[in-house]
Every structure is written in C-alpha cells, then in structure tokens.
Amino acid sequence: MATLWGFVIIAGPLLLLLALVAGRFLNKNSRVSRAETEAATKRVRDEQAAEDAAREPR
C-alpha cells in the first residue's frame, strides 16, 4: 500500500505538470484568437450602443 501512495505522490504532480505544459504548447494560436475575439466584442458593443441610442426617447 505504501508503494501505491508513493507512486501517487510522485506521479500525480508530474502528470499535472505535463498536462499544464501540453496545454500551454497546444494553445499557441491563442494570441490570434484573442485579437479576433477583442475585435468582434468591440464591434458587437458598438452595434448595441448604436441600437440603444436609436431607441432612447429624445
């Protein structure tokens, strides 16, 4: 039983580290995607602001 816990204590953090490193390297296109997301968000907010301004009574 002690051997199993030793394996869990050593292998657990190593697997977590491996998953984090793999996620970081597999997500290299996030900068391009982030820029596209920011541009789309700005466009939608501008459209919503224009619609809200058109609806407001004067």
PDB file of N, CA and C in Angstrom:
ATOM      1  N   MET A   1       0.825  -1.198   0.000  1.00  0.00           N
ATOM      2  CA  MET A   1       0.000   0.000   0.000  1.00  0.00           C
ATOM      3  C   MET A   1       0.865   1.256   0.000  1.00  0.00           C
ATOM      4  N   ALA A   2       1.969   1.214   0.714  1.00  0.00           N
ATOM      5  CA  ALA A   2       2.860   2.373   0.782  1.00  0.00           C
ATOM      6  C   ALA A   2       3.453   2.657  -0.594  1.00  0.00           C
ATOM      7  N   THR A   3       3.710   1.616  -1.361  1.00  0.00           N
ATOM      8  CA  THR A   3       4.269   1.816  -2.694  1.00  0.00           C
ATOM      9  C   THR A   3       3.283   2.541  -3.597  1.00  0.00           C
ATOM     10  N   LEU A   4       2.017   2.208  -3.472  1.00  0.00           N
ATOM     11  CA  LEU A   4       0.990   2.866  -4.260  1.00  0.00           C
ATOM     12  C   LEU A   4       0.912   4.350  -3.921  1.00  0.00           C
ATOM     13  N   TRP A   5       0.919   4.682  -2.626  1.00  0.00           N
ATOM     14  CA  TRP A   5       0.871   6.086  -2.223  1.00  0.00           C
ATOM     15  C   TRP A   5       2.121   6.830  -2.669  1.00  0.00           C
ATOM     16  N   GLY A   6       3.240   6.183  -2.629  1.00  0.00           N
ATOM     17  CA  GLY A   6       4.475   6.803  -3.117  1.00  0.00           C
ATOM     18  C   GLY A   6       4.372   7.125  -4.594  1.00  0.00           C
ATOM     19  N   PHE A   7       3.805   6.208  -5.349  1.00  0.00           N
ATOM     20  CA  PHE A   7       3.602   6.437  -6.773  1.00  0.00           C
ATOM     21  C   PHE A   7       2.642   7.603  -7.007  1.00  0.00           C
ATOM     22  N   VAL A   8       1.567   7.644  -6.239  1.00  0.00           N
ATOM     23  CA  VAL A   8       0.581   8.716  -6.382  1.00  0.00           C
ATOM     24  C   VAL A   8       1.199  10.064  -6.028  1.00  0.00           C
ATOM     25  N   ILE A   9       1.988  10.106  -4.974  1.00  0.00           N
ATOM     26  CA  ILE A   9       2.604  11.360  -4.536  1.00  0.00           C
ATOM     27  C   ILE A   9       3.606  11.868  -5.566  1.00  0.00           C
ATOM     28  N   ILE A  10       4.329  10.967  -6.210  1.00  0.00           N
ATOM     29  CA  ILE A  10       5.333  11.374  -7.197  1.00  0.00           C
ATOM     30  C   ILE A  10       4.703  11.580  -8.575  1.00  0.00           C
ATOM     31  N   ALA A  11       3.873  10.678  -9.016  1.00  0.00           N
ATOM     32  CA  ALA A  11       3.326  10.730 -10.372  1.00  0.00           C
ATOM     33  C   ALA A  11       2.214  11.764 -10.512  1.00  0.00           C
ATOM     34  N   GLY A  12       1.463  12.034  -9.472  1.00  0.00           N
ATOM     35  CA  GLY A  12       0.366  12.993  -9.556  1.00  0.00           C
ATOM     36  C   GLY A  12       0.814  14.384  -9.989  1.00  0.00           C
ATOM     37  N   PRO A  13       1.756  14.984  -9.252  1.00  0.00           N
ATOM     38  CA  PRO A  13       2.231  16.304  -9.664  1.00  0.00           C
ATOM     39  C   PRO A  13       2.930  16.294 -11.025  1.00  0.00           C
ATOM     40  N   LEU A  14       3.607  15.209 -11.351  1.00  0.00           N
ATOM     41  CA  LEU A  14       4.254  15.124 -12.661  1.00  0.00           C
ATOM     42  C   LEU A  14       3.215  15.100 -13.782  1.00  0.00           C
ATOM     43  N   LEU A  15       2.136  14.360 -13.590  1.00  0.00           N
ATOM     44  CA  LEU A  15       1.066  14.338 -14.591  1.00  0.00           C
ATOM     45  C   LEU A  15       0.394  15.701 -14.713  1.00  0.00           C
ATOM     46  N   LEU A  16       0.214  16.376 -13.585  1.00  0.00           N
ATOM     47  CA  LEU A  16      -0.368  17.710 -13.614  1.00  0.00           C
ATOM     48  C   LEU A  16       0.540  18.676 -14.370  1.00  0.00           C
ATOM     49  N   LEU A  17       1.834  18.622 -14.086  1.00  0.00           N
ATOM     50  CA  LEU A  17       2.787  19.471 -14.788  1.00  0.00           C
ATOM     51  C   LEU A  17       2.794  19.171 -16.277  1.00  0.00           C
ATOM     52  N   LEU A  18       2.770  17.906 -16.633  1.00  0.00           N
ATOM     53  CA  LEU A  18       2.743  17.514 -18.042  1.00  0.00           C
ATOM     54  C   LEU A  18       1.485  18.039 -18.738  1.00  0.00           C
ATOM     55  N   ALA A  19       0.350  17.959 -18.074  1.00  0.00           N
ATOM     56  CA  ALA A  19      -0.899  18.462 -18.655  1.00  0.00           C
ATOM     57  C   ALA A  19      -0.849  19.971 -18.845  1.00  0.00           C
ATOM     58  N   LEU A  20      -0.291  20.697 -17.875  1.00  0.00           N
ATOM     59  CA  LEU A  20      -0.191  22.144 -17.997  1.00  0.00           C
ATOM     60  C   LEU A  20       0.749  22.555 -19.123  1.00  0.00           C
ATOM     61  N   VAL A  21       1.877  21.875 -19.233  1.00  0.00           N
ATOM     62  CA  VAL A  21       2.831  22.187 -20.298  1.00  0.00           C
ATOM     63  C   VAL A  21       2.230  21.858 -21.663  1.00  0.00           C
ATOM     64  N   ALA A  22       1.569  20.715 -21.773  1.00  0.00           N
ATOM     65  CA  ALA A  22       0.942  20.338 -23.043  1.00  0.00           C
ATOM     66  C   ALA A  22      -0.140  21.340 -23.422  1.00  0.00           C
ATOM     67  N   GLY A  23      -0.940  21.768 -22.465  1.00  0.00           N
ATOM     68  CA  GLY A  23      -1.980  22.752 -22.741  1.00  0.00           C
ATOM     69  C   GLY A  23      -1.396  24.072 -23.199  1.00  0.00           C
ATOM     70  N   ARG A  24      -0.299  24.467 -22.602  1.00  0.00           N
ATOM     71  CA  ARG A  24       0.345  25.732 -22.988  1.00  0.00           C
ATOM     72  C   ARG A  24       0.878  25.669 -24.414  1.00  0.00           C
ATOM     73  N   PHE A  25       1.524  24.574 -24.773  1.00  0.00           N
ATOM     74  CA  PHE A  25       2.116  24.468 -26.099  1.00  0.00           C
ATOM     75  C   PHE A  25       1.094  24.150 -27.186  1.00  0.00           C
ATOM     76  N   LEU A  26       0.014  23.494 -26.835  1.00  0.00           N
ATOM     77  CA  LEU A  26      -1.008  23.188 -27.834  1.00  0.00           C
ATOM     78  C   LEU A  26      -1.924  24.377 -28.090  1.00  0.00           C
ATOM     79  N   ASN A  27      -1.825  25.409 -27.268  1.00  0.00           N
ATOM     80  CA  ASN A  27      -2.693  26.577 -27.393  1.00  0.00           C
ATOM     81  C   ASN A  27      -1.898  27.778 -27.897  1.00  0.00           C
ATOM     82  N   LYS A  28      -1.030  27.563 -28.875  1.00  0.00           N
ATOM     83  CA  LYS A  28      -0.167  28.630 -29.370  1.00  0.00           C
ATOM     84  C   LYS A  28      -0.930  29.693 -30.147  1.00  0.00           C
ATOM     85  N   ASN A  29      -2.045  29.372 -30.743  1.00  0.00           N
ATOM     86  CA  ASN A  29      -2.795  30.317 -31.566  1.00  0.00           C
ATOM     87  C   ASN A  29      -3.697  31.216 -30.745  1.00  0.00           C
ATOM     88  N   SER A  30      -3.544  31.212 -29.436  1.00  0.00           N
ATOM     89  CA  SER A  30      -4.444  31.993 -28.597  1.00  0.00           C
ATOM     90  C   SER A  30      -4.275  33.490 -28.813  1.00  0.00           C
ATOM     91  N   ARG A  31      -3.096  33.962 -29.195  1.00  0.00           N
ATOM     92  CA  ARG A  31      -2.916  35.403 -29.406  1.00  0.00           C
ATOM     93  C   ARG A  31      -3.731  35.873 -30.606  1.00  0.00           C
ATOM     94  N   VAL A  32      -3.721  35.110 -31.677  1.00  0.00           N
ATOM     95  CA  VAL A  32      -4.517  35.476 -32.849  1.00  0.00           C
ATOM     96  C   VAL A  32      -5.995  35.406 -32.494  1.00  0.00           C
ATOM     97  N   SER A  33      -6.391  34.361 -31.846  1.00  0.00           N
ATOM     98  CA  SER A  33      -7.793  34.199 -31.471  1.00  0.00           C
ATOM     99  C   SER A  33      -8.222  35.297 -30.514  1.00  0.00           C
ATOM    100  N   ARG A  34      -7.349  35.682 -29.609  1.00  0.00           N
ATOM    101  CA  ARG A  34      -7.685  36.728 -28.644  1.00  0.00           C
ATOM    102  C   ARG A  34      -7.905  38.058 -29.365  1.00  0.00           C
ATOM    103  N   ALA A  35      -7.066  38.371 -30.340  1.00  0.00           N
ATOM    104  CA  ALA A  35      -7.212  39.617 -31.091  1.00  0.00           C
ATOM    105  C   ALA A  35      -8.529  39.612 -31.876  1.00  0.00           C
ATOM    106  N   GLU A  36      -8.847  38.486 -32.474  1.00  0.00           N
ATOM    107  CA  GLU A  36     -10.111  38.382 -33.212  1.00  0.00           C
ATOM    108  C   GLU A  36     -11.295  38.518 -32.276  1.00  0.00           C
ATOM    109  N   THR A  37     -11.196  37.916 -31.111  1.00  0.00           N
ATOM    110  CA  THR A  37     -12.273  37.995 -30.126  1.00  0.00           C
ATOM    111  C   THR A  37     -12.465  39.425 -29.650  1.00  0.00           C
ATOM    112  N   GLU A  38     -11.379  40.117 -29.368  1.00  0.00           N
ATOM    113  CA  GLU A  38     -11.480  41.506 -28.920  1.00  0.00           C
ATOM    114  C   GLU A  38     -12.116  42.391 -29.987  1.00  0.00           C
ATOM    115  N   ALA A  39     -11.739  42.195 -31.244  1.00  0.00           N
ATOM    116  CA  ALA A  39     -12.304  42.992 -32.336  1.00  0.00           C
ATOM    117  C   ALA A  39     -13.797  42.715 -32.485  1.00  0.00           C
ATOM    118  N   ALA A  40     -14.180  41.461 -32.399  1.00  0.00           N
ATOM    119  CA  ALA A  40     -15.593  41.106 -32.522  1.00  0.00           C
ATOM    120  C   ALA A  40     -16.392  41.661 -31.349  1.00  0.00           C
ATOM    121  N   THR A  41     -15.832  41.607 -30.160  1.00  0.00           N
ATOM    122  CA  THR A  41     -16.519  42.147 -28.989  1.00  0.00           C
ATOM    123  C   THR A  41     -16.726  43.645 -29.124  1.00  0.00           C
ATOM    124  N   LYS A  42     -15.718  44.345 -29.584  1.00  0.00           N
ATOM    125  CA  LYS A  42     -15.842  45.797 -29.785  1.00  0.00           C
ATOM    126  C   LYS A  42     -16.910  46.112 -30.821  1.00  0.00           C
ATOM    127  N   ARG A  43     -16.928  45.344 -31.905  1.00  0.00           N
ATOM    128  CA  ARG A  43     -17.926  45.565 -32.947  1.00  0.00           C
ATOM    129  C   ARG A  43     -19.346  45.359 -32.411  1.00  0.00           C
ATOM    130  N   VAL A  44     -19.549  44.291 -31.648  1.00  0.00           N
ATOM    131  CA  VAL A  44     -20.878  43.997 -31.099  1.00  0.00           C
ATOM    132  C   VAL A  44     -21.295  45.081 -30.109  1.00  0.00           C
ATOM    133  N   ARG A  45     -20.369  45.506 -29.266  1.00  0.00           N
ATOM    134  CA  ARG A  45     -20.710  46.554 -28.295  1.00  0.00           C
ATOM    135  C   ARG A  45     -21.050  47.865 -28.990  1.00  0.00           C
ATOM    136  N   ASP A  46     -20.311  48.189 -30.043  1.00  0.00           N
ATOM    137  CA  ASP A  46     -20.620  49.408 -30.797  1.00  0.00           C
ATOM    138  C   ASP A  46     -21.996  49.314 -31.443  1.00  0.00           C
ATOM    139  N   GLU A  47     -22.325  48.145 -31.995  1.00  0.00           N
ATOM    140  CA  GLU A  47     -23.644  47.951 -32.606  1.00  0.00           C
ATOM    141  C   GLU A  47     -24.746  48.075 -31.561  1.00  0.00           C
ATOM    142  N   GLN A  48     -24.527  47.486 -30.388  1.00  0.00           N
ATOM    143  CA  GLN A  48     -25.536  47.562 -29.335  1.00  0.00           C
ATOM    144  C   GLN A  48     -25.702  48.985 -28.830  1.00  0.00           C
ATOM    145  N   ALA A  49     -24.601  49.720 -28.730  1.00  0.00           N
ATOM    146  CA  ALA A  49     -24.682  51.113 -28.289  1.00  0.00           C
ATOM    147  C   ALA A  49     -25.455  51.944 -29.297  1.00  0.00           C
ATOM    148  N   ALA A  50     -25.244  51.689 -30.588  1.00  0.00           N
ATOM    149  CA  ALA A  50     -25.977  52.423 -31.622  1.00  0.00           C
ATOM    150  C   ALA A  50     -27.471  52.088 -31.565  1.00  0.00           C
ATOM    151  N   GLU A  51     -27.804  50.815 -31.356  1.00  0.00           N
ATOM    152  CA  GLU A  51     -29.208  50.422 -31.241  1.00  0.00           C
ATOM    153  C   GLU A  51     -29.859  51.056 -30.017  1.00  0.00           C
ATOM    154  N   ASP A  52     -29.131  51.058 -28.885  1.00  0.00           N
ATOM    155  CA  ASP A  52     -29.669  51.665 -27.664  1.00  0.00           C
ATOM    156  C   ASP A  52     -29.894  53.160 -27.845  1.00  0.00           C
ATOM    157  N   ALA A  53     -28.962  53.812 -28.526  1.00  0.00           N
ATOM    158  CA  ALA A  53     -29.099  55.261 -28.742  1.00  0.00           C
ATOM    159  C   ALA A  53     -30.290  55.551 -29.649  1.00  0.00           C
ATOM    160  N   ALA A  54     -30.562  54.669 -30.597  1.00  0.00           N
ATOM    161  CA  ALA A  54     -31.690  54.878 -31.515  1.00  0.00           C
ATOM    162  C   ALA A  54     -33.017  54.663 -30.797  1.00  0.00           C
ATOM    163  N   ARG A  55     -33.061  53.804 -29.783  1.00  0.00           N
ATOM    164  CA  ARG A  55     -34.286  53.507 -29.056  1.00  0.00           C
ATOM    165  C   ARG A  55     -34.635  54.552 -28.005  1.00  0.00           C
ATOM    166  N   GLU A  56     -33.653  55.255 -27.503  1.00  0.00           N
ATOM    167  CA  GLU A  56     -33.904  56.202 -26.409  1.00  0.00           C
ATOM    168  C   GLU A  56     -34.771  57.366 -26.894  1.00  0.00           C
ATOM    169  N   PRO A  57     -35.793  57.694 -26.110  1.00  0.00           N
ATOM    170  CA  PRO A  57     -36.620  58.840 -26.489  1.00  0.00           C
ATOM    171  C   PRO A  57     -35.847  60.145 -26.284  1.00  0.00           C
ATOM    172  N   ARG A  58     -36.156  61.089 -27.149  1.00  0.00           N
ATOM    173  CA  ARG A  58     -35.437  62.373 -27.036  1.00  0.00           C
ATOM    174  C   ARG A  58     -36.280  63.416 -26.412  1.00  0.00           C
TER     175      ARG A  58
END
